[in-house]
Amino acid sequence: MAMAVAIAVIAFSGILSGSPGAHSRPGATPSAPPTTTRPVALRLPTTPTSQTTPPSASVVLLPSSTGQSGATYTVTTSSVDLSLSAANRCWVELRSVSASGPLVYAGVLSAGSVRSFAAPGLWLRLGFPEAVRIQVDGRPITLPASADPYDVTVQSTPA
């Protein structure tokens, strides 16, 4: 009897102390003790760096203004480098600086053709905007799906 009481006391004290497996179901594995995480300190530069990184093609250039028939983009460079890649035939009119500026190019881009232009600012009208991919200073811009002509203005404002 003393042995049975001793076993009962030991089992009961295990339940009260919360030892693993003392009150778990048969066949159950005891849970792991909770882990704690410690915050990691990040070391940030204390002085600004003068290095500038070139624009990445994965960074999309967003318009500074937009409407149903056109959009304006602003870049902080002294000259705009614009590249047009045609996936399908598209009529293009390209002018320097604005819609009333000197004509730079007018014609039809055929599928697969690529044309590049550079100027202080550019204005272009696309007859079939879905057919053309545009990159400004190496960054793509997204045009809306439209069957109507779409005007794109790219202004440069040097930093």
N, C-alpha and C. Protein backbone atom coordinates (compact mmCIF):
# COMPACT_ATOMS: atom_id res chain seq x y z
N MET A 1 0.82 -1.18 0.00
CA MET A 1 0.00 0.00 0.00
C MET A 1 0.87 1.25 0.00
N ALA A 2 1.93 1.24 0.75
CA ALA A 2 2.82 2.39 0.79
C ALA A 2 3.42 2.64 -0.57
N MET A 3 3.68 1.56 -1.28
CA MET A 3 4.25 1.69 -2.63
C MET A 3 3.23 2.35 -3.55
N ALA A 4 1.98 1.97 -3.47
CA ALA A 4 0.94 2.54 -4.32
C ALA A 4 0.74 4.01 -4.00
N VAL A 5 0.81 4.39 -2.74
CA VAL A 5 0.68 5.80 -2.34
C VAL A 5 1.86 6.58 -2.87
N ALA A 6 3.05 6.05 -2.83
CA ALA A 6 4.24 6.74 -3.31
C ALA A 6 4.14 6.97 -4.81
N ILE A 7 3.66 5.98 -5.56
CA ILE A 7 3.50 6.13 -7.01
C ILE A 7 2.45 7.17 -7.31
N ALA A 8 1.35 7.19 -6.57
CA ALA A 8 0.29 8.18 -6.78
C ALA A 8 0.78 9.57 -6.47
N VAL A 9 1.59 9.73 -5.42
CA VAL A 9 2.12 11.05 -5.05
C VAL A 9 3.07 11.54 -6.13
N ILE A 10 3.92 10.65 -6.65
CA ILE A 10 4.86 11.05 -7.69
C ILE A 10 4.10 11.44 -8.96
N ALA A 11 3.11 10.67 -9.36
CA ALA A 11 2.33 10.99 -10.55
C ALA A 11 1.58 12.29 -10.38
N PHE A 12 0.99 12.51 -9.19
CA PHE A 12 0.24 13.73 -8.91
C PHE A 12 1.16 14.94 -8.91
N SER A 13 2.37 14.81 -8.35
CA SER A 13 3.29 15.94 -8.32
C SER A 13 3.77 16.28 -9.73
N GLY A 14 3.87 15.26 -10.61
CA GLY A 14 4.24 15.51 -12.00
C GLY A 14 3.17 16.31 -12.71
N ILE A 15 1.91 16.05 -12.42
CA ILE A 15 0.80 16.79 -13.03
C ILE A 15 0.83 18.23 -12.58
N LEU A 16 1.06 18.46 -11.30
CA LEU A 16 1.08 19.82 -10.79
C LEU A 16 2.28 20.61 -11.29
N SER A 17 3.40 19.94 -11.44
CA SER A 17 4.60 20.67 -11.86
C SER A 17 4.61 20.96 -13.35
N GLY A 18 3.75 20.29 -14.12
CA GLY A 18 3.67 20.56 -15.56
C GLY A 18 4.77 19.87 -16.34
N SER A 19 5.34 18.82 -15.78
CA SER A 19 6.40 18.15 -16.52
C SER A 19 5.81 17.49 -17.76
N PRO A 20 6.55 17.50 -18.86
CA PRO A 20 6.03 16.97 -20.11
C PRO A 20 5.69 15.49 -19.99
N GLY A 21 4.58 15.15 -20.57
CA GLY A 21 4.17 13.76 -20.60
C GLY A 21 3.47 13.31 -19.34
N ALA A 22 3.45 14.09 -18.28
CA ALA A 22 2.85 13.65 -17.03
C ALA A 22 1.35 13.55 -17.17
N HIS A 23 0.72 14.41 -17.94
CA HIS A 23 -0.72 14.36 -18.10
C HIS A 23 -1.13 14.36 -19.56
N SER A 24 -0.24 13.90 -20.41
CA SER A 24 -0.58 13.87 -21.84
C SER A 24 -1.23 12.56 -22.20
N ARG A 25 -1.87 12.54 -23.36
CA ARG A 25 -2.53 11.34 -23.83
C ARG A 25 -1.49 10.30 -24.19
N PRO A 26 -1.85 9.06 -24.09
CA PRO A 26 -0.91 8.02 -24.50
C PRO A 26 -0.60 8.17 -25.99
N GLY A 27 0.67 8.04 -26.33
CA GLY A 27 1.09 8.13 -27.72
C GLY A 27 1.35 9.56 -28.18
N ALA A 28 0.97 10.56 -27.41
CA ALA A 28 1.19 11.95 -27.80
C ALA A 28 2.62 12.33 -27.50
N THR A 29 3.19 13.17 -28.33
CA THR A 29 4.55 13.63 -28.07
C THR A 29 4.48 14.95 -27.35
N PRO A 30 5.36 15.15 -26.39
CA PRO A 30 5.35 16.41 -25.66
C PRO A 30 5.73 17.56 -26.60
N SER A 31 5.12 18.71 -26.38
CA SER A 31 5.41 19.86 -27.22
C SER A 31 6.76 20.45 -26.84
N ALA A 32 7.38 21.08 -27.83
CA ALA A 32 8.68 21.70 -27.60
C ALA A 32 8.49 22.95 -26.77
N PRO A 33 9.49 23.30 -25.99
CA PRO A 33 9.37 24.52 -25.19
C PRO A 33 9.30 25.72 -26.13
N PRO A 34 8.59 26.77 -25.71
CA PRO A 34 8.47 27.95 -26.57
C PRO A 34 9.84 28.56 -26.84
N THR A 35 10.02 29.01 -28.06
CA THR A 35 11.28 29.67 -28.40
C THR A 35 11.08 31.17 -28.33
N THR A 36 12.13 31.84 -28.04
CA THR A 36 12.06 33.30 -28.01
C THR A 36 12.98 33.83 -29.09
N THR A 37 12.58 34.93 -29.68
CA THR A 37 13.42 35.56 -30.69
C THR A 37 13.93 36.87 -30.13
N ARG A 38 15.14 37.17 -30.52
CA ARG A 38 15.72 38.43 -30.09
C ARG A 38 15.77 39.38 -31.27
N PRO A 39 15.50 40.63 -31.05
CA PRO A 39 15.56 41.58 -32.17
C PRO A 39 16.99 41.69 -32.70
N VAL A 40 17.09 41.89 -33.99
CA VAL A 40 18.39 42.04 -34.63
C VAL A 40 18.58 43.51 -34.97
N ALA A 41 19.69 44.05 -34.58
CA ALA A 41 19.97 45.46 -34.87
C ALA A 41 20.53 45.59 -36.27
N LEU A 42 19.95 46.49 -37.06
CA LEU A 42 20.45 46.74 -38.41
C LEU A 42 21.37 47.94 -38.36
N ARG A 43 22.47 47.85 -39.03
CA ARG A 43 23.42 48.94 -39.05
C ARG A 43 23.17 49.78 -40.30
N LEU A 44 22.72 51.00 -40.13
CA LEU A 44 22.44 51.90 -41.25
C LEU A 44 23.59 52.88 -41.40
N PRO A 45 23.86 53.31 -42.63
CA PRO A 45 24.94 54.29 -42.80
C PRO A 45 24.59 55.60 -42.10
N THR A 46 25.60 56.20 -41.49
CA THR A 46 25.36 57.44 -40.76
C THR A 46 25.49 58.66 -41.66
N THR A 47 26.15 58.50 -42.80
CA THR A 47 26.27 59.61 -43.73
C THR A 47 25.70 59.19 -45.06
N PRO A 48 25.01 60.08 -45.76
CA PRO A 48 24.47 59.70 -47.06
C PRO A 48 25.59 59.44 -48.05
N THR A 49 25.35 58.49 -48.93
CA THR A 49 26.35 58.18 -49.94
C THR A 49 26.08 59.00 -51.19
N SER A 50 27.13 59.29 -51.92
CA SER A 50 26.96 60.08 -53.14
C SER A 50 26.80 59.19 -54.35
N GLN A 51 26.83 57.87 -54.15
CA GLN A 51 26.68 56.97 -55.27
C GLN A 51 25.23 56.91 -55.71
N THR A 52 25.03 56.91 -57.00
CA THR A 52 23.68 56.73 -57.52
C THR A 52 23.68 55.44 -58.30
N THR A 53 22.62 54.70 -58.17
CA THR A 53 22.52 53.44 -58.88
C THR A 53 21.76 53.67 -60.17
N PRO A 54 22.17 53.00 -61.25
CA PRO A 54 21.46 53.17 -62.50
C PRO A 54 20.06 52.61 -62.38
N PRO A 55 19.11 53.16 -63.13
CA PRO A 55 17.75 52.67 -63.03
C PRO A 55 17.67 51.21 -63.45
N SER A 56 16.84 50.49 -62.77
CA SER A 56 16.66 49.08 -63.07
C SER A 56 15.45 48.92 -63.99
N ALA A 57 15.54 47.99 -64.90
CA ALA A 57 14.43 47.75 -65.81
C ALA A 57 13.22 47.22 -65.07
N SER A 58 13.41 46.75 -63.85
CA SER A 58 12.27 46.24 -63.09
C SER A 58 11.50 47.37 -62.40
N VAL A 59 12.07 48.57 -62.37
CA VAL A 59 11.40 49.71 -61.76
C VAL A 59 10.59 50.42 -62.84
N VAL A 60 9.29 50.47 -62.65
CA VAL A 60 8.40 51.08 -63.64
C VAL A 60 8.32 52.58 -63.38
N LEU A 61 8.41 53.35 -64.41
CA LEU A 61 8.27 54.80 -64.32
C LEU A 61 6.79 55.15 -64.29
N LEU A 62 6.34 55.84 -63.25
CA LEU A 62 4.93 56.17 -63.09
C LEU A 62 4.64 57.58 -63.60
N PRO A 63 3.44 57.80 -64.15
CA PRO A 63 3.12 59.13 -64.71
C PRO A 63 2.94 60.17 -63.61
N SER A 64 3.32 61.41 -63.93
CA SER A 64 3.06 62.52 -63.00
C SER A 64 1.64 63.05 -63.21
N SER A 65 1.06 62.80 -64.38
CA SER A 65 -0.35 63.09 -64.62
C SER A 65 -0.84 62.12 -65.70
N THR A 66 -2.12 61.84 -65.68
CA THR A 66 -2.67 60.90 -66.64
C THR A 66 -4.12 61.25 -66.95
N GLY A 67 -4.56 60.85 -68.13
CA GLY A 67 -5.94 61.06 -68.56
C GLY A 67 -6.33 59.96 -69.53
N GLN A 68 -7.53 60.04 -70.07
CA GLN A 68 -8.00 59.01 -70.99
C GLN A 68 -7.21 59.00 -72.30
N SER A 69 -6.71 60.16 -72.71
CA SER A 69 -6.05 60.22 -74.01
C SER A 69 -4.54 60.41 -73.90
N GLY A 70 -4.00 60.47 -72.68
CA GLY A 70 -2.56 60.66 -72.58
C GLY A 70 -2.04 60.70 -71.15
N ALA A 71 -0.72 60.70 -71.06
CA ALA A 71 -0.06 60.75 -69.75
C ALA A 71 1.23 61.55 -69.88
N THR A 72 1.63 62.16 -68.77
CA THR A 72 2.89 62.91 -68.71
C THR A 72 3.79 62.24 -67.68
N TYR A 73 5.04 62.05 -68.06
CA TYR A 73 6.05 61.46 -67.18
C TYR A 73 7.13 62.49 -66.98
N THR A 74 7.68 62.55 -65.78
CA THR A 74 8.75 63.48 -65.47
C THR A 74 9.96 62.70 -64.99
N VAL A 75 11.11 62.98 -65.57
CA VAL A 75 12.35 62.33 -65.16
C VAL A 75 13.34 63.40 -64.71
N THR A 76 14.21 63.04 -63.80
CA THR A 76 15.18 63.99 -63.25
C THR A 76 16.53 63.84 -63.95
N THR A 77 16.52 64.00 -65.24
CA THR A 77 17.74 63.98 -66.05
C THR A 77 17.70 65.16 -67.00
N SER A 78 18.85 65.50 -67.57
CA SER A 78 18.87 66.64 -68.49
C SER A 78 18.41 66.24 -69.89
N SER A 79 18.45 64.94 -70.18
CA SER A 79 18.01 64.46 -71.49
C SER A 79 17.17 63.20 -71.29
N VAL A 80 16.20 63.03 -72.15
CA VAL A 80 15.33 61.86 -72.09
C VAL A 80 15.80 60.85 -73.14
N ASP A 81 16.08 59.64 -72.70
CA ASP A 81 16.40 58.55 -73.62
C ASP A 81 15.18 57.66 -73.70
N LEU A 82 14.58 57.60 -74.89
CA LEU A 82 13.34 56.86 -75.08
C LEU A 82 13.56 55.75 -76.09
N SER A 83 13.06 54.56 -75.77
CA SER A 83 13.16 53.42 -76.67
C SER A 83 11.76 52.87 -76.93
N LEU A 84 11.45 52.63 -78.19
CA LEU A 84 10.16 52.05 -78.59
C LEU A 84 10.41 50.67 -79.18
N SER A 85 9.70 49.66 -78.68
CA SER A 85 9.76 48.30 -79.22
C SER A 85 8.36 47.93 -79.66
N ALA A 86 8.20 47.59 -80.93
CA ALA A 86 6.88 47.27 -81.46
C ALA A 86 6.63 45.77 -81.44
N ALA A 87 5.54 45.37 -80.82
CA ALA A 87 5.11 43.97 -80.83
C ALA A 87 4.17 43.74 -82.02
N ASN A 88 3.61 44.82 -82.52
CA ASN A 88 2.71 44.78 -83.67
C ASN A 88 2.87 46.12 -84.39
N ARG A 89 2.25 46.26 -85.55
CA ARG A 89 2.34 47.52 -86.30
C ARG A 89 1.70 48.67 -85.50
N CYS A 90 2.39 49.81 -85.48
CA CYS A 90 1.88 50.97 -84.76
C CYS A 90 2.37 52.25 -85.44
N TRP A 91 1.44 53.16 -85.66
CA TRP A 91 1.78 54.47 -86.20
C TRP A 91 2.29 55.33 -85.06
N VAL A 92 3.38 56.06 -85.29
CA VAL A 92 4.00 56.88 -84.25
C VAL A 92 4.32 58.26 -84.81
N GLU A 93 4.01 59.27 -84.03
CA GLU A 93 4.47 60.63 -84.31
C GLU A 93 5.24 61.06 -83.08
N LEU A 94 6.47 61.53 -83.29
CA LEU A 94 7.35 61.90 -82.17
C LEU A 94 7.87 63.31 -82.39
N ARG A 95 7.72 64.15 -81.36
CA ARG A 95 8.16 65.53 -81.45
C ARG A 95 9.05 65.86 -80.26
N SER A 96 9.93 66.83 -80.46
CA SER A 96 10.82 67.27 -79.39
C SER A 96 10.07 68.19 -78.44
N VAL A 97 10.16 67.93 -77.20
CA VAL A 97 9.64 68.71 -76.08
C VAL A 97 8.12 68.67 -75.92
N SER A 98 7.35 69.02 -76.96
CA SER A 98 5.89 69.10 -76.80
C SER A 98 5.19 68.75 -78.11
N ALA A 99 3.86 68.77 -78.08
CA ALA A 99 3.05 68.45 -79.27
C ALA A 99 3.27 69.47 -80.39
N SER A 100 3.72 70.65 -80.05
CA SER A 100 3.96 71.68 -81.07
C SER A 100 5.45 71.81 -81.40
N GLY A 101 6.29 70.95 -80.83
CA GLY A 101 7.73 71.01 -81.07
C GLY A 101 8.12 70.44 -82.43
N PRO A 102 9.39 70.56 -82.76
CA PRO A 102 9.87 70.07 -84.06
C PRO A 102 9.65 68.56 -84.20
N LEU A 103 9.29 68.13 -85.39
CA LEU A 103 9.05 66.73 -85.68
C LEU A 103 10.37 65.96 -85.64
N VAL A 104 10.40 64.88 -84.87
CA VAL A 104 11.58 64.03 -84.76
C VAL A 104 11.40 62.77 -85.61
N TYR A 105 10.21 62.21 -85.58
CA TYR A 105 9.94 60.98 -86.32
C TYR A 105 8.43 60.86 -86.55
N ALA A 106 8.06 60.38 -87.71
CA ALA A 106 6.67 60.04 -88.01
C ALA A 106 6.71 58.84 -88.95
N GLY A 107 5.97 57.81 -88.59
CA GLY A 107 5.96 56.63 -89.43
C GLY A 107 5.31 55.46 -88.73
N VAL A 108 5.38 54.31 -89.40
CA VAL A 108 4.80 53.09 -88.86
C VAL A 108 5.93 52.18 -88.41
N LEU A 109 5.87 51.78 -87.14
CA LEU A 109 6.81 50.79 -86.63
C LEU A 109 6.23 49.41 -86.95
N SER A 110 7.03 48.56 -87.56
CA SER A 110 6.56 47.20 -87.85
C SER A 110 6.87 46.29 -86.66
N ALA A 111 6.18 45.17 -86.61
CA ALA A 111 6.38 44.22 -85.52
C ALA A 111 7.84 43.82 -85.44
N GLY A 112 8.39 43.87 -84.24
CA GLY A 112 9.78 43.49 -84.01
C GLY A 112 10.78 44.63 -84.13
N SER A 113 10.35 45.79 -84.61
CA SER A 113 11.29 46.90 -84.76
C SER A 113 11.50 47.63 -83.44
N VAL A 114 12.69 48.21 -83.30
CA VAL A 114 13.07 48.98 -82.11
C VAL A 114 13.66 50.29 -82.60
N ARG A 115 13.23 51.39 -82.00
CA ARG A 115 13.76 52.72 -82.32
C ARG A 115 14.10 53.42 -81.02
N SER A 116 15.20 54.18 -81.02
CA SER A 116 15.62 54.93 -79.84
C SER A 116 15.79 56.40 -80.19
N PHE A 117 15.46 57.26 -79.22
CA PHE A 117 15.52 58.70 -79.41
C PHE A 117 16.03 59.34 -78.13
N ALA A 118 16.69 60.50 -78.27
CA ALA A 118 17.15 61.26 -77.10
C ALA A 118 16.90 62.74 -77.36
N ALA A 119 16.38 63.43 -76.37
CA ALA A 119 16.10 64.86 -76.46
C ALA A 119 15.86 65.39 -75.05
N PRO A 120 15.84 66.71 -74.88
CA PRO A 120 15.56 67.28 -73.55
C PRO A 120 14.15 66.94 -73.05
N GLY A 121 13.27 66.65 -73.95
CA GLY A 121 11.91 66.24 -73.64
C GLY A 121 11.29 65.68 -74.90
N LEU A 122 10.32 64.80 -74.76
CA LEU A 122 9.72 64.19 -75.94
C LEU A 122 8.21 64.10 -75.78
N TRP A 123 7.51 64.25 -76.91
CA TRP A 123 6.07 64.04 -76.97
C TRP A 123 5.83 63.04 -78.09
N LEU A 124 5.00 62.05 -77.83
CA LEU A 124 4.69 61.11 -78.90
C LEU A 124 3.23 60.73 -78.87
N ARG A 125 2.72 60.47 -80.07
CA ARG A 125 1.35 59.98 -80.23
C ARG A 125 1.47 58.60 -80.84
N LEU A 126 0.80 57.65 -80.20
CA LEU A 126 0.82 56.26 -80.64
C LEU A 126 -0.55 55.91 -81.20
N GLY A 127 -0.59 55.39 -82.41
CA GLY A 127 -1.85 55.02 -83.04
C GLY A 127 -2.46 53.75 -82.46
N PHE A 128 -1.63 52.84 -81.98
CA PHE A 128 -2.08 51.57 -81.40
C PHE A 128 -1.19 51.30 -80.19
N PRO A 129 -1.46 51.97 -79.06
CA PRO A 129 -0.56 51.93 -77.91
C PRO A 129 -0.31 50.53 -77.34
N GLU A 130 -1.26 49.61 -77.51
CA GLU A 130 -1.07 48.26 -77.00
C GLU A 130 0.08 47.54 -77.71
N ALA A 131 0.42 47.98 -78.90
CA ALA A 131 1.42 47.30 -79.71
C ALA A 131 2.85 47.72 -79.38
N VAL A 132 3.03 48.73 -78.54
CA VAL A 132 4.36 49.30 -78.31
C VAL A 132 4.75 49.19 -76.84
N ARG A 133 6.00 48.83 -76.63
CA ARG A 133 6.60 48.86 -75.29
C ARG A 133 7.55 50.04 -75.26
N ILE A 134 7.41 50.87 -74.23
CA ILE A 134 8.23 52.08 -74.12
C ILE A 134 9.13 51.97 -72.90
N GLN A 135 10.39 52.37 -73.10
CA GLN A 135 11.31 52.50 -71.97
C GLN A 135 11.85 53.92 -71.98
N VAL A 136 11.87 54.54 -70.80
CA VAL A 136 12.42 55.87 -70.63
C VAL A 136 13.59 55.75 -69.67
N ASP A 137 14.77 56.10 -70.14
CA ASP A 137 16.00 55.97 -69.35
C ASP A 137 16.14 54.56 -68.77
N GLY A 138 15.80 53.56 -69.57
CA GLY A 138 15.94 52.17 -69.16
C GLY A 138 14.82 51.62 -68.31
N ARG A 139 13.83 52.44 -67.99
CA ARG A 139 12.71 51.99 -67.17
C ARG A 139 11.44 51.92 -68.00
N PRO A 140 10.72 50.80 -67.93
CA PRO A 140 9.49 50.68 -68.74
C PRO A 140 8.38 51.56 -68.19
N ILE A 141 7.53 52.01 -69.08
CA ILE A 141 6.30 52.68 -68.66
C ILE A 141 5.15 51.83 -69.17
N THR A 142 4.08 51.82 -68.42
CA THR A 142 2.91 51.01 -68.76
C THR A 142 1.84 51.91 -69.35
N LEU A 143 1.40 51.54 -70.53
CA LEU A 143 0.34 52.29 -71.19
C LEU A 143 -0.97 51.55 -71.03
N PRO A 144 -2.08 52.28 -71.00
CA PRO A 144 -3.36 51.60 -70.87
C PRO A 144 -3.74 50.91 -72.18
N ALA A 145 -4.55 49.89 -72.08
CA ALA A 145 -5.08 49.24 -73.28
C ALA A 145 -6.07 50.21 -73.92
N SER A 146 -5.81 50.58 -75.16
CA SER A 146 -6.66 51.54 -75.83
C SER A 146 -6.57 51.34 -77.34
N ALA A 147 -7.70 51.39 -77.99
CA ALA A 147 -7.71 51.31 -79.45
C ALA A 147 -7.56 52.70 -80.06
N ASP A 148 -7.66 53.73 -79.22
CA ASP A 148 -7.55 55.11 -79.68
C ASP A 148 -6.11 55.57 -79.57
N PRO A 149 -5.75 56.60 -80.33
CA PRO A 149 -4.40 57.16 -80.18
C PRO A 149 -4.17 57.62 -78.75
N TYR A 150 -2.93 57.48 -78.31
CA TYR A 150 -2.57 57.85 -76.94
C TYR A 150 -1.33 58.71 -76.99
N ASP A 151 -1.35 59.84 -76.27
CA ASP A 151 -0.23 60.77 -76.25
C ASP A 151 0.61 60.56 -74.99
N VAL A 152 1.91 60.55 -75.16
CA VAL A 152 2.83 60.40 -74.03
C VAL A 152 3.80 61.58 -74.09
N THR A 153 3.91 62.29 -72.97
CA THR A 153 4.87 63.39 -72.85
C THR A 153 5.87 63.00 -71.79
N VAL A 154 7.15 63.15 -72.09
CA VAL A 154 8.21 62.88 -71.11
C VAL A 154 9.01 64.16 -70.95
N GLN A 155 8.92 64.74 -69.77
CA GLN A 155 9.59 66.00 -69.46
C GLN A 155 10.82 65.70 -68.61
N SER A 156 11.90 66.43 -68.87
CA SER A 156 13.08 66.29 -68.02
C SER A 156 13.19 67.51 -67.13
N THR A 157 13.50 67.24 -65.88
CA THR A 157 13.76 68.30 -64.90
C THR A 157 15.01 67.90 -64.15
N PRO A 158 16.17 68.39 -64.60
CA PRO A 158 17.43 68.02 -63.94
C PRO A 158 17.38 68.31 -62.45
N ALA A 159 17.93 67.39 -61.68
CA ALA A 159 17.92 67.53 -60.21
C ALA A 159 18.88 68.59 -59.76
